[in-house]
Amino acid sequence: MSLERATEYLQKFGLAERIQLFDVSSATVELAAAALGCEEKRIAKTLSFRLPEGCILIVAAGDAKVDNTKYKAKFHTKAKMLAFEEVEEEIGHAVGGVCPFGVNLNVTVYLDESLKRFETVFPACGTANSAIELTIPELEQCSGCREWVDVCKGWEA
């Protein structure tokens, strides 16, 4: 269901044919990088959080970690990730395949500044064995992001 949902969504942008499926898991940054043969930092991981007004996704580089101080300054609340069992119902994709493509209507997407240092990145496509290579402008366009944010640490040069 999630792969079909992401594929249908990406078809609107003419990108669905670029989805890659693997015979191995790509559910974590490490596994995705191994499946793709790229650096872990180029994996665009999608993290799900709950705000008082609803759920959000933050797409960040594989080597970035959420900085609680920056997160609180931006969203005016402590970072609270969704529980494993909540993710699929709240977001529309299960853990391991969470991506910003074809998410539930009430989910807001943000892109973290940690991604901007790359020409292309690899987000998942709804399953734990899929990915797509996108340029940063393509990701910005097809993610439907509200805005770019600076809420991560550990990736700066």
C-alpha atoms as a PDB file:
ATOM      1  CA  MET A   1       0.000   0.000   0.000  1.00  0.00           C
ATOM      2  CA  SER A   2       2.687   2.529   0.972  1.00  0.00           C
ATOM      3  CA  LEU A   3       4.829   1.899  -2.112  1.00  0.00           C
ATOM      4  CA  GLU A   4       1.768   2.340  -4.316  1.00  0.00           C
ATOM      5  CA  ARG A   5       0.862   5.524  -2.439  1.00  0.00           C
ATOM      6  CA  ALA A   6       4.360   6.995  -2.842  1.00  0.00           C
ATOM      7  CA  THR A   7       4.522   5.881  -6.496  1.00  0.00           C
ATOM      8  CA  GLU A   8       1.173   7.458  -7.335  1.00  0.00           C
ATOM      9  CA  TYR A   9       2.231  10.655  -5.615  1.00  0.00           C
ATOM     10  CA  LEU A  10       5.601  10.817  -7.405  1.00  0.00           C
ATOM     11  CA  GLN A  11       3.908  10.199 -10.781  1.00  0.00           C
ATOM     12  CA  LYS A  12       2.444  13.709 -10.489  1.00  0.00           C
ATOM     13  CA  PHE A  13       6.003  15.013 -10.746  1.00  0.00           C
ATOM     14  CA  GLY A  14       7.184  12.585 -13.423  1.00  0.00           C
ATOM     15  CA  LEU A  15       9.536  10.896 -10.956  1.00  0.00           C
ATOM     16  CA  ALA A  16       7.928   7.521 -10.214  1.00  0.00           C
ATOM     17  CA  GLU A  17      10.025   5.653 -12.780  1.00  0.00           C
ATOM     18  CA  ARG A  18      13.142   6.563 -10.742  1.00  0.00           C
ATOM     19  CA  ILE A  19      12.038   4.599  -7.659  1.00  0.00           C
ATOM     20  CA  GLN A  20      14.517   1.849  -6.840  1.00  0.00           C
ATOM     21  CA  LEU A  21      13.482  -1.406  -5.157  1.00  0.00           C
ATOM     22  CA  PHE A  22      15.972  -3.648  -3.376  1.00  0.00           C
ATOM     23  CA  ASP A  23      16.160  -7.342  -2.523  1.00  0.00           C
ATOM     24  CA  VAL A  24      17.556  -6.284   0.857  1.00  0.00           C
ATOM     25  CA  SER A  25      16.256  -4.005   3.576  1.00  0.00           C
ATOM     26  CA  SER A  26      16.864  -0.263   3.367  1.00  0.00           C
ATOM     27  CA  ALA A  27      14.967   0.439   6.600  1.00  0.00           C
ATOM     28  CA  THR A  28      17.823   2.257   8.364  1.00  0.00           C
ATOM     29  CA  VAL A  29      20.375   4.795   7.211  1.00  0.00           C
ATOM     30  CA  GLU A  30      23.103   2.152   7.329  1.00  0.00           C
ATOM     31  CA  LEU A  31      21.102  -0.445   5.392  1.00  0.00           C
ATOM     32  CA  ALA A  32      19.933   2.096   2.800  1.00  0.00           C
ATOM     33  CA  ALA A  33      23.489   3.302   2.196  1.00  0.00           C
ATOM     34  CA  ALA A  34      24.665  -0.302   1.757  1.00  0.00           C
ATOM     35  CA  ALA A  35      21.804  -1.101  -0.648  1.00  0.00           C
ATOM     36  CA  LEU A  36      22.525   2.037  -2.686  1.00  0.00           C
ATOM     37  CA  GLY A  37      26.313   1.964  -2.443  1.00  0.00           C
ATOM     38  CA  CYS A  38      26.497   5.551  -1.190  1.00  0.00           C
ATOM     39  CA  GLU A  39      27.624   7.428   1.899  1.00  0.00           C
ATOM     40  CA  GLU A  40      25.263   7.254   4.878  1.00  0.00           C
ATOM     41  CA  LYS A  41      25.065  11.037   5.079  1.00  0.00           C
ATOM     42  CA  ARG A  42      23.355  11.147   1.635  1.00  0.00           C
ATOM     43  CA  ILE A  43      20.391   9.118   2.908  1.00  0.00           C
ATOM     44  CA  ALA A  44      17.490  11.526   3.455  1.00  0.00           C
ATOM     45  CA  LYS A  45      15.946  10.076   6.603  1.00  0.00           C
ATOM     46  CA  THR A  46      12.412  11.114   7.458  1.00  0.00           C
ATOM     47  CA  LEU A  47      11.664  11.551  11.160  1.00  0.00           C
ATOM     48  CA  SER A  48       8.118  11.810  12.533  1.00  0.00           C
ATOM     49  CA  PHE A  49       7.160  14.047  15.451  1.00  0.00           C
ATOM     50  CA  ARG A  50       4.027  15.113  17.268  1.00  0.00           C
ATOM     51  CA  LEU A  51       3.248  18.776  17.840  1.00  0.00           C
ATOM     52  CA  PRO A  52       0.198  20.053  19.744  1.00  0.00           C
ATOM     53  CA  GLU A  53      -1.407  20.925  16.392  1.00  0.00           C
ATOM     54  CA  GLY A  54      -0.599  17.633  14.658  1.00  0.00           C
ATOM     55  CA  CYS A  55       2.163  15.479  13.200  1.00  0.00           C
ATOM     56  CA  ILE A  56       5.179  16.697  11.263  1.00  0.00           C
ATOM     57  CA  LEU A  57       7.961  15.096   9.283  1.00  0.00           C
ATOM     58  CA  ILE A  58      11.506  16.384   9.240  1.00  0.00           C
ATOM     59  CA  VAL A  59      13.650  15.118   6.376  1.00  0.00           C
ATOM     60  CA  ALA A  60      17.325  15.304   7.350  1.00  0.00           C
ATOM     61  CA  ALA A  61      20.701  14.005   6.221  1.00  0.00           C
ATOM     62  CA  GLY A  62      21.696  10.541   7.384  1.00  0.00           C
ATOM     63  CA  ASP A  63      24.450  11.859   9.649  1.00  0.00           C
ATOM     64  CA  ALA A  64      22.311  14.562  11.295  1.00  0.00           C
ATOM     65  CA  LYS A  65      20.712  14.254  14.720  1.00  0.00           C
ATOM     66  CA  VAL A  66      17.872  16.386  16.036  1.00  0.00           C
ATOM     67  CA  ASP A  67      19.167  19.156  18.285  1.00  0.00           C
ATOM     68  CA  ASN A  68      16.608  19.557  21.079  1.00  0.00           C
ATOM     69  CA  THR A  69      17.470  23.216  21.672  1.00  0.00           C
ATOM     70  CA  LYS A  70      17.086  24.142  17.993  1.00  0.00           C
ATOM     71  CA  TYR A  71      13.908  22.058  17.701  1.00  0.00           C
ATOM     72  CA  LYS A  72      12.320  23.756  20.716  1.00  0.00           C
ATOM     73  CA  ALA A  73      13.306  27.203  19.437  1.00  0.00           C
ATOM     74  CA  LYS A  74      11.618  26.463  16.090  1.00  0.00           C
ATOM     75  CA  PHE A  75       8.511  24.543  17.183  1.00  0.00           C
ATOM     76  CA  HIS A  76       8.080  25.922  20.750  1.00  0.00           C
ATOM     77  CA  THR A  77       7.841  22.450  22.282  1.00  0.00           C
ATOM     78  CA  LYS A  78      10.103  19.555  23.208  1.00  0.00           C
ATOM     79  CA  ALA A  79      10.893  17.098  20.394  1.00  0.00           C
ATOM     80  CA  LYS A  80       8.547  14.112  20.793  1.00  0.00           C
ATOM     81  CA  MET A  81       8.891  11.408  18.163  1.00  0.00           C
ATOM     82  CA  LEU A  82       5.881   9.284  17.344  1.00  0.00           C
ATOM     83  CA  ALA A  83       5.857   5.830  18.921  1.00  0.00           C
ATOM     84  CA  PHE A  84       6.619   2.956  16.532  1.00  0.00           C
ATOM     85  CA  GLU A  85       3.000   1.762  16.611  1.00  0.00           C
ATOM     86  CA  GLU A  86       1.617   5.252  15.826  1.00  0.00           C
ATOM     87  CA  VAL A  87       3.684   6.019  12.735  1.00  0.00           C
ATOM     88  CA  GLU A  88       1.789   4.171  10.003  1.00  0.00           C
ATOM     89  CA  GLU A  89      -1.641   5.384  11.115  1.00  0.00           C
ATOM     90  CA  GLU A  90      -0.573   8.993  11.714  1.00  0.00           C
ATOM     91  CA  ILE A  91       1.785   9.434   8.731  1.00  0.00           C
ATOM     92  CA  GLY A  92       0.582   6.926   6.137  1.00  0.00           C
ATOM     93  CA  HIS A  93       3.841   4.958   5.881  1.00  0.00           C
ATOM     94  CA  ALA A  94       5.326   2.378   8.257  1.00  0.00           C
ATOM     95  CA  VAL A  95       8.642   2.753  10.082  1.00  0.00           C
ATOM     96  CA  GLY A  96      11.493   1.922   7.708  1.00  0.00           C
ATOM     97  CA  GLY A  97       9.665   3.375   4.720  1.00  0.00           C
ATOM     98  CA  VAL A  98       8.573   6.759   6.053  1.00  0.00           C
ATOM     99  CA  CYS A  99       8.995   9.413   3.386  1.00  0.00           C
ATOM    100  CA  PRO A 100       7.417  12.765   2.499  1.00  0.00           C
ATOM    101  CA  PHE A 101       5.602  11.337  -0.552  1.00  0.00           C
ATOM    102  CA  GLY A 102       1.894  10.613  -0.310  1.00  0.00           C
ATOM    103  CA  VAL A 103       1.563  11.225   3.415  1.00  0.00           C
ATOM    104  CA  ASN A 104      -1.716  11.806   5.221  1.00  0.00           C
ATOM    105  CA  LEU A 105      -3.261  15.209   4.544  1.00  0.00           C
ATOM    106  CA  ASN A 106      -2.761  16.573   8.068  1.00  0.00           C
ATOM    107  CA  VAL A 107       1.016  15.925   8.079  1.00  0.00           C
ATOM    108  CA  THR A 108       3.350  18.894   7.537  1.00  0.00           C
ATOM    109  CA  VAL A 109       6.775  18.302   5.972  1.00  0.00           C
ATOM    110  CA  TYR A 110       9.955  20.238   6.777  1.00  0.00           C
ATOM    111  CA  LEU A 111      13.372  19.852   5.162  1.00  0.00           C
ATOM    112  CA  ASP A 112      16.449  20.270   7.338  1.00  0.00           C
ATOM    113  CA  GLU A 113      19.394  22.426   6.250  1.00  0.00           C
ATOM    114  CA  SER A 114      21.688  19.391   6.627  1.00  0.00           C
ATOM    115  CA  LEU A 115      20.519  18.220   3.176  1.00  0.00           C
ATOM    116  CA  LYS A 116      21.590  21.345   1.282  1.00  0.00           C
ATOM    117  CA  ARG A 117      25.265  20.313   1.069  1.00  0.00           C
ATOM    118  CA  PHE A 118      24.480  17.548  -1.440  1.00  0.00           C
ATOM    119  CA  GLU A 119      23.584  17.626  -5.127  1.00  0.00           C
ATOM    120  CA  THR A 120      21.377  14.550  -4.677  1.00  0.00           C
ATOM    121  CA  VAL A 121      19.958  12.584  -1.744  1.00  0.00           C
ATOM    122  CA  PHE A 122      18.067   9.313  -1.318  1.00  0.00           C
ATOM    123  CA  PRO A 123      14.756   9.315   0.585  1.00  0.00           C
ATOM    124  CA  ALA A 124      12.691   6.132   1.016  1.00  0.00           C
ATOM    125  CA  CYS A 125       9.528   5.563  -1.015  1.00  0.00           C
ATOM    126  CA  GLY A 126       7.074   4.064   1.445  1.00  0.00           C
ATOM    127  CA  THR A 127       8.667   0.667   2.106  1.00  0.00           C
ATOM    128  CA  ALA A 128      11.694  -0.750   3.895  1.00  0.00           C
ATOM    129  CA  ASN A 129      13.291  -1.733   0.568  1.00  0.00           C
ATOM    130  CA  SER A 130      12.872   1.346  -1.616  1.00  0.00           C
ATOM    131  CA  ALA A 131      14.499   4.688  -2.364  1.00  0.00           C
ATOM    132  CA  ILE A 132      14.675   7.397  -4.994  1.00  0.00           C
ATOM    133  CA  GLU A 133      17.577   9.662  -5.933  1.00  0.00           C
ATOM    134  CA  LEU A 134      16.475  13.302  -6.063  1.00  0.00           C
ATOM    135  CA  THR A 135      18.221  16.611  -6.507  1.00  0.00           C
ATOM    136  CA  ILE A 136      17.636  19.060  -3.681  1.00  0.00           C
ATOM    137  CA  PRO A 137      15.314  21.207  -5.872  1.00  0.00           C
ATOM    138  CA  GLU A 138      13.358  18.054  -6.829  1.00  0.00           C
ATOM    139  CA  LEU A 139      13.051  17.051  -3.168  1.00  0.00           C
ATOM    140  CA  GLU A 140      11.929  20.547  -2.248  1.00  0.00           C
ATOM    141  CA  GLN A 141       9.280  20.513  -4.961  1.00  0.00           C
ATOM    142  CA  CYS A 142       7.874  17.019  -4.561  1.00  0.00           C
ATOM    143  CA  SER A 143       8.034  16.805  -0.762  1.00  0.00           C
ATOM    144  CA  GLY A 144       5.454  19.568  -0.433  1.00  0.00           C
ATOM    145  CA  CYS A 145       7.589  20.997   2.354  1.00  0.00           C
ATOM    146  CA  ARG A 146       6.335  23.974   4.294  1.00  0.00           C
ATOM    147  CA  GLU A 147       9.856  25.332   4.708  1.00  0.00           C
ATOM    148  CA  TRP A 148      13.525  24.640   5.327  1.00  0.00           C
ATOM    149  CA  VAL A 149      14.489  24.421   9.004  1.00  0.00           C
ATOM    150  CA  ASP A 150      17.727  24.222  10.974  1.00  0.00           C
ATOM    151  CA  VAL A 151      16.928  21.753  13.762  1.00  0.00           C
ATOM    152  CA  CYS A 152      19.783  19.222  13.516  1.00  0.00           C
ATOM    153  CA  LYS A 153      23.367  18.892  14.723  1.00  0.00           C
ATOM    154  CA  GLY A 154      26.342  16.630  14.147  1.00  0.00           C
ATOM    155  CA  TRP A 155      26.609  17.143  10.427  1.00  0.00           C
ATOM    156  CA  GLU A 156      28.355  20.499  10.178  1.00  0.00           C
ATOM    157  CA  ALA A 157      31.785  20.535   8.543  1.00  0.00           C
END
